[in-house]
């Protein structure tokens, strides 16, 4: 694994910029009139106060609508601002010790992407025709629209041909351009749809000139470890753990989470997964859980198990939002944020404090990044587990029941987060109803 050393300390605050700043839903020709990207600057101190060490940005490049239909990879979306605004944001983030992760959509493009428009204009003879997987009708001429491979049936998303060397050269050029301008790494959107044989040489080329860059692929299903290894990535999104967290809490079935933690250990043996309980593509955890009072339990798992945690903006305030399978169905989970933190509702303060407490714990124990998990006590409604690397260890106790529970603490003597009482002689911790605790 080629993961840079700094990633051990990384805790991302993920933001979907187009939603965060209230940008128009479709592209505008207005040239960066509002410089909205600078609207993130007042939130950088908030991210630091939360405890984050990096800002993971959703798409910021020129696109047709939601950012995942890129049209110009070298231009900041005019709805967000200008290249100078990006430089300012990076400088302000770095001044506060915050890394910047960019979202690279390299599986597909928007139809307005110049190389595809070149194909539409010049037909089969276009010099960029090999960039795409095309099917031409007989007698095709300039102006003829070909059939083309798209992304998962979304015809406005044109899939790139990853067997074409010019596409690899282009992706390398894009990655290096923005790394040179201060980005610290790339989230590779829909990496699962791109052959690992494409990622490996591309990332090797970029890493040769940017050895401290971080590359994490979006993988939803499949053999995560094999994809990371063959693609020479640093990490992959941990959807298996995300699903087990909310599902086990909803069903009062900690056996599901325990099984997922075993699988998580296997992944940690080869790389540190990108862990999360919310992102721009899923229903928010406060809405996903049948009882929002259990949100802290989900946060506890996220911030005590191995991996590189990512907090989706608003989750730390207890925001709700449901993703729907329809046009505009992501809007509810990609909301406008106030212009400054002091305009946030006080109602989110309790959830924010839980995040601060647990992020602080993690920052004090960076070894958690690669910690293995060992289940100590398990029932439908009670779970305790040990996280450890060599001599470093913590014990986590979770109680879903409506009664106080005595839970095995396996020799831990001090509550370092949460609320509970330790019976040292009995090696147990007394956890209140629907409560949790972390012990050292």
Protein backbone atom coordinates (compact mmCIF):
# COMPACT_ATOMS: atom_id res chain seq x y z
CA UNK A 1 0.00 0.00 0.00
CA UNK A 2 1.36 3.43 -0.98
CA UNK A 3 -0.77 5.49 1.40
CA UNK A 4 0.97 8.75 2.38
CA UNK A 5 1.92 9.08 6.05
CA UNK A 6 -0.40 12.05 6.59
CA UNK A 7 -3.49 9.96 5.89
CA UNK A 8 -3.10 8.24 9.27
CA UNK A 9 -4.34 11.49 10.81
CA UNK A 10 -6.97 12.31 8.21
CA UNK A 11 -10.58 12.92 9.17
CA UNK A 12 -12.54 14.39 6.29
CA UNK A 13 -15.41 16.84 6.39
CA UNK A 14 -17.13 16.09 3.08
CA UNK A 15 -18.99 18.91 1.31
CA UNK A 16 -21.05 18.85 -1.88
CA UNK A 17 -20.20 22.40 -3.05
CA UNK A 18 -22.98 23.01 -5.60
CA UNK A 19 -25.59 22.27 -2.94
CA UNK A 20 -23.70 23.86 -0.06
CA UNK A 21 -23.61 27.28 -1.76
CA UNK A 22 -27.05 27.05 -3.39
CA UNK A 23 -25.84 27.07 -6.99
CA UNK A 24 -28.25 26.87 -9.91
CA UNK A 25 -29.30 23.35 -10.89
CA UNK A 26 -28.04 23.73 -14.45
CA UNK A 27 -24.99 25.33 -16.01
CA UNK A 28 -24.89 29.08 -16.36
CA UNK A 29 -22.92 31.24 -18.75
CA UNK A 30 -22.50 33.91 -16.08
CA UNK A 31 -18.70 33.97 -15.55
CA UNK A 32 -18.18 33.29 -11.85
CA UNK A 33 -20.38 36.24 -10.92
CA UNK A 34 -20.87 35.28 -7.31
CA UNK A 35 -17.54 33.58 -6.54
CA UNK A 36 -19.55 31.17 -4.43
CA UNK A 37 -16.62 28.83 -3.79
CA UNK A 38 -15.31 31.49 -1.43
CA UNK A 39 -18.43 30.86 0.63
CA UNK A 40 -16.64 27.80 1.99
CA UNK A 41 -13.88 29.90 3.55
CA UNK A 42 -15.99 31.02 6.57
CA UNK A 43 -16.61 27.33 7.28
CA UNK A 44 -12.97 26.28 7.46
CA UNK A 45 -12.62 27.29 11.12
CA UNK A 46 -15.83 25.35 11.79
CA UNK A 47 -14.26 22.26 10.21
CA UNK A 48 -11.22 22.72 12.45
CA UNK A 49 -13.46 23.19 15.50
CA UNK A 50 -15.27 19.98 14.57
CA UNK A 51 -11.89 18.25 14.58
CA UNK A 52 -11.55 17.53 10.87
CA UNK A 53 -8.15 17.58 9.23
CA UNK A 54 -9.32 17.78 5.64
CA UNK A 55 -12.03 19.08 3.33
CA UNK A 56 -13.34 16.50 0.84
CA UNK A 57 -15.02 18.40 -1.98
CA UNK A 58 -17.67 17.06 -4.31
CA UNK A 59 -17.42 18.04 -7.99
CA UNK A 60 -16.17 21.58 -8.61
CA UNK A 61 -15.39 21.46 -12.33
CA UNK A 62 -17.56 22.87 -15.10
CA UNK A 63 -20.54 20.60 -15.68
CA UNK A 64 -24.04 20.54 -17.09
CA UNK A 65 -26.03 19.93 -13.90
CA UNK A 66 -25.00 18.06 -10.73
CA UNK A 67 -21.25 18.05 -11.27
CA UNK A 68 -20.95 14.41 -12.28
CA UNK A 69 -21.52 15.37 -15.93
CA UNK A 70 -18.24 17.22 -16.36
CA UNK A 71 -17.71 19.38 -19.42
CA UNK A 72 -14.34 21.02 -18.69
CA UNK A 73 -11.93 19.40 -16.24
CA UNK A 74 -9.56 22.37 -16.24
CA UNK A 75 -12.17 24.97 -15.31
CA UNK A 76 -13.96 25.63 -12.03
CA UNK A 77 -17.73 25.53 -12.56
CA UNK A 78 -18.85 29.14 -13.18
CA UNK A 79 -21.70 28.53 -10.74
CA UNK A 80 -19.01 28.15 -8.06
CA UNK A 81 -16.43 30.69 -9.09
CA UNK A 82 -13.05 30.91 -10.74
CA UNK A 83 -9.67 29.28 -10.65
CA UNK A 84 -8.47 32.12 -8.46
CA UNK A 85 -11.27 31.33 -6.00
CA UNK A 86 -10.04 27.73 -5.88
CA UNK A 87 -6.50 28.91 -5.19
CA UNK A 88 -7.78 31.10 -2.36
CA UNK A 89 -9.78 28.24 -0.84
CA UNK A 90 -6.79 25.90 -0.98
CA UNK A 91 -4.49 28.52 0.57
CA UNK A 92 -6.95 29.24 3.39
CA UNK A 93 -7.50 25.54 4.03
CA UNK A 94 -3.80 24.74 4.10
CA UNK A 95 -3.16 27.71 6.39
CA UNK A 96 -5.43 25.97 8.90
CA UNK A 97 -3.83 22.57 8.39
CA UNK A 98 -6.73 21.22 6.31
CA UNK A 99 -6.00 18.96 3.34
CA UNK A 100 -8.07 19.14 0.14
CA UNK A 101 -9.55 16.06 -1.58
CA UNK A 102 -11.05 16.55 -5.04
CA UNK A 103 -13.77 14.50 -6.73
CA UNK A 104 -12.61 13.18 -10.10
CA UNK A 105 -15.27 11.90 -12.48
CA UNK A 106 -13.14 9.89 -14.90
CA UNK A 107 -15.52 7.10 -15.84
CA UNK A 108 -17.86 9.32 -17.84
CA UNK A 109 -18.44 12.90 -18.95
CA UNK A 110 -21.28 15.18 -19.85
CA UNK A 111 -22.41 15.38 -23.45
CA UNK A 112 -21.00 18.92 -23.69
CA UNK A 113 -17.48 17.66 -23.03
CA UNK A 114 -15.42 19.08 -25.91
CA UNK A 115 -13.97 15.77 -27.20
CA UNK A 116 -17.51 14.33 -27.42
CA UNK A 117 -18.82 17.45 -29.12
CA UNK A 118 -15.97 17.03 -31.58
CA UNK A 119 -17.30 13.54 -32.33
CA UNK A 120 -20.80 14.89 -32.92
CA UNK A 121 -19.48 17.58 -35.22
CA UNK A 122 -17.02 15.54 -37.29
CA UNK A 123 -18.44 12.04 -37.22
CA UNK A 124 -16.34 8.85 -37.41
CA UNK A 125 -13.33 10.80 -38.65
CA UNK A 126 -13.13 12.89 -35.45
CA UNK A 127 -9.70 12.65 -33.84
CA UNK A 128 -11.35 12.00 -30.45
CA UNK A 129 -13.70 9.25 -31.66
CA UNK A 130 -11.49 6.64 -29.98
CA UNK A 131 -12.09 8.31 -26.60
CA UNK A 132 -15.56 6.74 -26.47
CA UNK A 133 -17.23 3.40 -27.18
CA UNK A 134 -19.27 4.31 -30.26
CA UNK A 135 -21.60 2.54 -32.66
CA UNK A 136 -22.08 4.33 -35.98
CA UNK A 137 -24.99 3.77 -38.35
CA UNK A 138 -24.19 2.90 -41.94
CA UNK A 139 -23.15 5.93 -43.94
CA UNK A 140 -22.46 8.04 -40.86
CA UNK A 141 -21.18 11.49 -41.72
CA UNK A 142 -20.30 14.66 -39.82
CA UNK A 143 -23.30 15.63 -37.71
CA UNK A 144 -24.50 12.04 -37.26
CA UNK A 145 -25.06 11.01 -33.65
CA UNK A 146 -23.64 7.59 -32.84
CA UNK A 147 -24.84 5.14 -30.27
CA UNK A 148 -22.53 5.17 -27.27
CA UNK A 149 -21.90 3.40 -24.01
CA UNK A 150 -23.24 5.44 -21.10
CA UNK A 151 -23.08 5.21 -17.31
CA UNK A 152 -25.66 2.81 -15.88
CA UNK A 153 -28.39 3.80 -18.32
CA UNK A 154 -27.99 7.55 -17.82
CA UNK A 155 -27.74 8.56 -21.47
CA UNK A 156 -26.57 12.09 -20.68
CA UNK A 157 -23.43 10.57 -19.11
CA UNK A 158 -21.05 9.45 -21.85
CA UNK A 159 -18.70 6.65 -20.81
CA UNK A 160 -15.03 7.06 -21.67
CA UNK A 161 -13.09 4.32 -23.46
CA UNK A 162 -10.44 3.36 -20.89
CA UNK A 163 -8.54 1.27 -23.42
CA UNK A 164 -7.61 4.43 -25.30
CA UNK A 165 -4.11 5.72 -24.35
CA UNK A 166 -5.17 9.32 -25.01
CA UNK A 167 -7.81 9.02 -22.29
CA UNK A 168 -5.18 7.87 -19.80
CA UNK A 169 -2.93 10.77 -20.81
CA UNK A 170 -5.83 13.16 -20.32
CA UNK A 171 -6.68 11.87 -16.84
CA UNK A 172 -3.04 12.09 -15.78
CA UNK A 173 -2.91 15.67 -17.05
CA UNK A 174 -6.06 16.62 -15.12
CA UNK A 175 -4.89 15.02 -11.89
CA UNK A 176 -1.47 16.61 -12.04
CA UNK A 177 -2.88 20.03 -12.94
CA UNK A 178 -4.96 20.29 -9.76
CA UNK A 179 -2.37 18.61 -7.53
CA UNK A 180 0.09 21.26 -8.67
CA UNK A 181 -2.48 23.88 -7.67
CA UNK A 182 -2.64 22.54 -4.16
CA UNK A 183 -5.03 19.57 -4.02
CA UNK A 184 -3.84 16.73 -1.81
CA UNK A 185 -5.64 13.81 -3.39
CA UNK A 186 -8.47 12.43 -5.47
CA UNK A 187 -11.70 10.60 -4.82
CA UNK A 188 -12.27 8.55 -7.98
CA UNK A 189 -15.98 8.58 -8.73
CA UNK A 190 -17.50 5.31 -9.96
CA UNK A 191 -14.09 3.67 -9.81
CA UNK A 192 -15.87 0.32 -9.83
CA UNK A 193 -16.94 0.94 -13.43
CA UNK A 194 -13.36 1.54 -14.60
CA UNK A 195 -10.95 -1.34 -15.23
CA UNK A 196 -8.20 -1.68 -12.62
CA UNK A 197 -5.85 -2.01 -15.58
CA UNK A 198 -6.59 1.66 -16.27
CA UNK A 199 -6.11 2.96 -12.72
CA UNK A 200 -2.80 1.25 -11.99
CA UNK A 201 -0.63 2.88 -14.68
CA UNK A 202 -2.43 6.24 -14.41
CA UNK A 203 -1.93 6.44 -10.66
CA UNK A 204 1.65 5.24 -10.94
CA UNK A 205 2.40 8.07 -13.35
CA UNK A 206 0.80 10.69 -11.13
CA UNK A 207 2.37 9.30 -7.98
CA UNK A 208 5.82 9.49 -9.55
CA UNK A 209 5.60 13.29 -9.48
CA UNK A 210 3.21 13.61 -6.51
CA UNK A 211 4.28 10.90 -4.05
CA UNK A 212 2.20 12.35 -1.20
CA UNK A 213 -1.08 12.36 -3.11
CA UNK A 214 -3.95 10.19 -1.86
CA UNK A 215 -6.20 8.14 -4.15
CA UNK A 216 -9.47 6.61 -2.95
CA UNK A 217 -11.87 4.81 -5.26
CA UNK A 218 -15.64 4.66 -5.01
CA UNK A 219 -16.53 0.98 -4.74
CA UNK A 220 -19.98 -0.19 -3.70
CA UNK A 221 -19.87 -3.96 -4.26
CA UNK A 222 -17.28 -6.60 -4.95
CA UNK A 223 -13.84 -7.45 -3.62
CA UNK A 224 -12.65 -4.10 -2.30
CA UNK A 225 -9.18 -5.31 -1.35
CA UNK A 226 -8.56 -6.85 -4.77
CA UNK A 227 -9.66 -3.66 -6.53
CA UNK A 228 -7.44 -1.48 -4.34
CA UNK A 229 -4.49 -3.79 -4.89
CA UNK A 230 -4.85 -4.22 -8.65
CA UNK A 231 -5.65 -0.54 -9.21
CA UNK A 232 -2.74 0.55 -6.98
CA UNK A 233 -5.13 2.76 -5.02
CA UNK A 234 -4.72 3.81 -1.42
CA UNK A 235 -8.27 3.10 -0.33
CA UNK A 236 -11.88 2.38 -1.25
CA UNK A 237 -15.23 3.46 0.14
CA UNK A 238 -16.51 1.06 2.82
CA UNK A 239 -20.16 0.60 1.89
CA UNK A 240 -20.35 -2.79 3.60
CA UNK A 241 -19.69 -1.25 7.01
CA UNK A 242 -22.03 1.68 6.32
CA UNK A 243 -24.88 -0.70 5.60
CA UNK A 244 -24.17 -2.86 8.66
CA UNK A 245 -24.09 0.13 11.01
CA UNK A 246 -27.55 1.51 10.23
CA UNK A 247 -29.13 -1.88 9.61
CA UNK A 248 -27.93 -3.40 12.89
CA UNK A 249 -29.11 -0.35 14.83
CA UNK A 250 -32.52 -0.38 13.16
CA UNK A 251 -33.05 -4.10 13.65
CA UNK A 252 -31.44 -4.36 17.09
CA UNK A 253 -29.19 -7.00 15.57
CA UNK A 254 -25.58 -6.46 16.58
CA UNK A 255 -24.71 -9.84 15.05
CA UNK A 256 -24.81 -8.14 11.65
CA UNK A 257 -22.40 -5.44 12.78
CA UNK A 258 -20.11 -7.99 14.40
CA UNK A 259 -19.90 -9.92 11.12
CA UNK A 260 -19.16 -6.71 9.23
CA UNK A 261 -16.39 -5.85 11.68
CA UNK A 262 -14.77 -9.22 10.98
CA UNK A 263 -14.86 -8.43 7.28
CA UNK A 264 -13.52 -4.94 8.05
CA UNK A 265 -10.52 -6.52 9.80
CA UNK A 266 -9.73 -8.44 6.63
CA UNK A 267 -9.69 -5.22 4.62
CA UNK A 268 -7.55 -3.44 7.22
CA UNK A 269 -4.91 -6.11 6.76
CA UNK A 270 -4.19 -4.66 3.32
CA UNK A 271 -5.38 -1.03 3.40
CA UNK A 272 -7.34 1.52 5.45
CA UNK A 273 -10.88 1.85 4.03
CA UNK A 274 -12.64 5.20 3.71
CA UNK A 275 -15.36 4.87 6.34
CA UNK A 276 -18.56 6.89 6.58
CA UNK A 277 -22.13 6.88 7.86
CA UNK A 278 -23.29 9.47 5.34
CA UNK A 279 -22.34 10.94 1.98
CA UNK A 280 -23.83 12.79 -0.98
CA UNK A 281 -25.37 9.63 -2.46
CA UNK A 282 -27.27 8.15 0.50
CA UNK A 283 -30.09 9.01 2.88
CA UNK A 284 -28.73 10.83 5.91
CA UNK A 285 -28.03 8.72 8.98
CA UNK A 286 -30.56 10.68 11.11
CA UNK A 287 -33.25 9.75 8.57
CA UNK A 288 -31.94 6.26 7.85
CA UNK A 289 -32.23 5.25 11.50
CA UNK A 290 -35.71 4.47 12.77
CA UNK A 291 -34.73 6.17 16.04
CA UNK A 292 -32.54 9.26 15.62
CA UNK A 293 -31.52 8.90 19.27
CA UNK A 294 -29.17 6.18 18.05
CA UNK A 295 -27.18 8.51 15.79
CA UNK A 296 -24.43 8.73 18.46
CA UNK A 297 -24.04 4.94 18.36
CA UNK A 298 -23.36 5.14 14.62
CA UNK A 299 -20.85 7.94 15.17
CA UNK A 300 -19.12 5.86 17.86
CA UNK A 301 -18.59 2.98 15.44
CA UNK A 302 -17.37 5.29 12.68
CA UNK A 303 -14.79 6.98 14.89
CA UNK A 304 -13.50 3.98 16.83
CA UNK A 305 -12.89 1.37 14.14
CA UNK A 306 -9.99 1.31 11.71
CA UNK A 307 -10.08 3.33 8.50
CA UNK A 308 -10.12 6.93 7.35
CA UNK A 309 -13.36 8.53 8.60
CA UNK A 310 -15.42 10.97 6.57
CA UNK A 311 -18.18 13.18 8.05
CA UNK A 312 -20.77 14.40 5.55
CA UNK A 313 -21.66 18.06 6.04
CA UNK A 314 -24.79 18.45 8.11
CA UNK A 315 -24.59 14.99 9.68
CA UNK A 316 -22.60 16.55 12.51
CA UNK A 317 -25.62 18.82 13.10
CA UNK A 318 -28.20 16.04 12.98
CA UNK A 319 -29.52 17.10 9.57
CA UNK A 320 -32.15 14.89 8.03
CA UNK A 321 -32.57 14.10 4.34
CA UNK A 322 -33.92 11.27 2.24
CA UNK A 323 -32.49 10.21 -1.11
CA UNK A 324 -35.20 9.32 -3.65
CA UNK A 325 -34.94 7.42 -6.92
CA UNK A 326 -36.22 10.18 -9.21
CA UNK A 327 -35.00 13.27 -11.03
CA UNK A 328 -33.80 15.67 -8.35
CA UNK A 329 -33.92 12.87 -5.80
CA UNK A 330 -30.51 13.83 -4.39
CA UNK A 331 -31.48 17.41 -3.57
CA UNK A 332 -32.66 16.61 -0.05
CA UNK A 333 -29.25 15.24 0.91
CA UNK A 334 -27.26 18.00 -0.83
CA UNK A 335 -28.68 21.09 0.89
CA UNK A 336 -27.81 24.76 1.05
CA UNK A 337 -25.88 25.65 4.20
CA UNK A 338 -26.08 29.04 5.94
CA UNK A 339 -23.53 31.66 4.97
CA UNK A 340 -21.70 31.28 8.29
CA UNK A 341 -21.65 28.83 11.22
CA UNK A 342 -23.26 31.30 13.62
CA UNK A 343 -26.48 30.93 11.60
CA UNK A 344 -26.84 27.24 12.38
CA UNK A 345 -29.75 26.17 14.54
CA UNK A 346 -28.91 25.44 18.17
CA UNK A 347 -30.85 22.19 17.77
CA UNK A 348 -27.79 20.54 16.25
CA UNK A 349 -25.55 21.33 19.19
CA UNK A 350 -25.92 17.99 20.95
CA UNK A 351 -25.02 15.92 17.88
CA UNK A 352 -22.15 18.30 17.11
CA UNK A 353 -20.79 17.82 20.63
CA UNK A 354 -20.85 14.03 20.22
CA UNK A 355 -18.87 14.36 16.99
CA UNK A 356 -16.36 16.69 18.64
CA UNK A 357 -15.88 14.34 21.59
CA UNK A 358 -15.30 11.29 19.43
CA UNK A 359 -13.20 13.04 16.79
CA UNK A 360 -11.07 14.41 19.61
CA UNK A 361 -10.65 10.88 20.93
CA UNK A 362 -9.58 9.69 17.51
CA UNK A 363 -7.13 12.54 17.00
CA UNK A 364 -5.51 11.62 20.33
CA UNK A 365 -5.26 8.00 19.21
CA UNK A 366 -4.13 8.06 15.55
CA UNK A 367 -3.23 4.37 15.77
CA UNK A 368 -6.97 3.72 15.36
CA UNK A 369 -6.40 4.25 11.63
CA UNK A 370 -5.24 0.63 11.27
CA UNK A 371 -6.73 -0.86 14.43
CA UNK A 372 -8.23 -4.34 14.33
CA UNK A 373 -11.51 -5.05 16.11
CA UNK A 374 -12.17 -7.96 18.47
CA UNK A 375 -15.72 -8.58 19.71
CA UNK A 376 -15.88 -9.14 23.48
CA UNK A 377 -19.61 -9.41 24.22
CA UNK A 378 -22.40 -9.86 21.72
CA UNK A 379 -26.18 -10.10 21.81
CA UNK A 380 -28.96 -8.55 19.76
CA UNK A 381 -28.93 -5.35 21.81
CA UNK A 382 -25.50 -5.29 23.46
CA UNK A 383 -22.08 -5.14 21.86
CA UNK A 384 -18.64 -4.52 23.25
CA UNK A 385 -15.47 -4.71 21.21
CA UNK A 386 -11.80 -4.04 21.63
CA UNK A 387 -9.86 -2.02 19.06
CA UNK A 388 -6.12 -2.47 19.23
CA UNK A 389 -2.75 -2.09 17.58
CA UNK A 390 0.05 -3.73 19.57
CA UNK A 391 -0.11 -2.27 23.11
CA UNK A 392 -2.58 0.48 22.21
CA UNK A 393 -6.19 -0.45 22.86
CA UNK A 394 -9.65 0.89 23.64
CA UNK A 395 -12.91 -0.85 24.50
CA UNK A 396 -16.26 0.25 23.08
CA UNK A 397 -19.59 -0.63 24.74
CA UNK A 398 -22.94 -0.11 22.98
CA UNK A 399 -26.37 -0.61 24.51
CA UNK A 400 -29.50 -0.59 22.35
CA UNK A 401 -31.82 -1.85 25.05
CA UNK A 402 -34.14 0.29 27.14
CA UNK A 403 -32.54 -0.99 30.33
CA UNK A 404 -29.21 -0.38 32.03
CA UNK A 405 -26.73 -3.08 31.06
CA UNK A 406 -23.57 -4.42 32.62
CA UNK A 407 -21.23 -4.97 29.71
CA UNK A 408 -17.83 -6.63 29.64
CA UNK A 409 -15.02 -4.09 29.52
CA UNK A 410 -12.20 -6.64 29.36
CA UNK A 411 -9.86 -4.90 31.79
CA UNK A 412 -10.47 -1.32 30.67
CA UNK A 413 -10.59 0.97 33.70
CA UNK A 414 -11.43 4.49 32.57
CA UNK A 415 -14.30 6.02 30.60
CA UNK A 416 -12.69 8.25 27.95
CA UNK A 417 -15.89 9.11 26.05
CA UNK A 418 -19.57 8.73 26.74
CA UNK A 419 -21.32 8.23 30.06
CA UNK A 420 -20.97 5.06 32.11
CA UNK A 421 -19.61 3.70 35.37
CA UNK A 422 -16.79 1.16 35.49
CA UNK A 423 -16.70 -1.75 37.92
CA UNK A 424 -12.99 -2.47 37.77
CA UNK A 425 -13.15 -5.58 39.91
CA UNK A 426 -15.83 -7.14 37.74
CA UNK A 427 -14.22 -5.97 34.47
CA UNK A 428 -17.57 -4.46 33.49
CA UNK A 429 -19.00 -1.10 32.55
CA UNK A 430 -22.53 -0.06 33.50
CA UNK A 431 -24.07 1.57 30.43
CA UNK A 432 -27.39 3.43 30.70
CA UNK A 433 -30.38 2.62 28.49
CA UNK A 434 -29.67 3.37 24.81
CA UNK A 435 -26.21 4.47 25.92
CA UNK A 436 -22.60 4.00 24.89
CA UNK A 437 -19.11 4.39 26.26
CA UNK A 438 -15.49 4.19 25.16
CA UNK A 439 -12.98 3.01 27.73
CA UNK A 440 -9.23 2.99 28.02
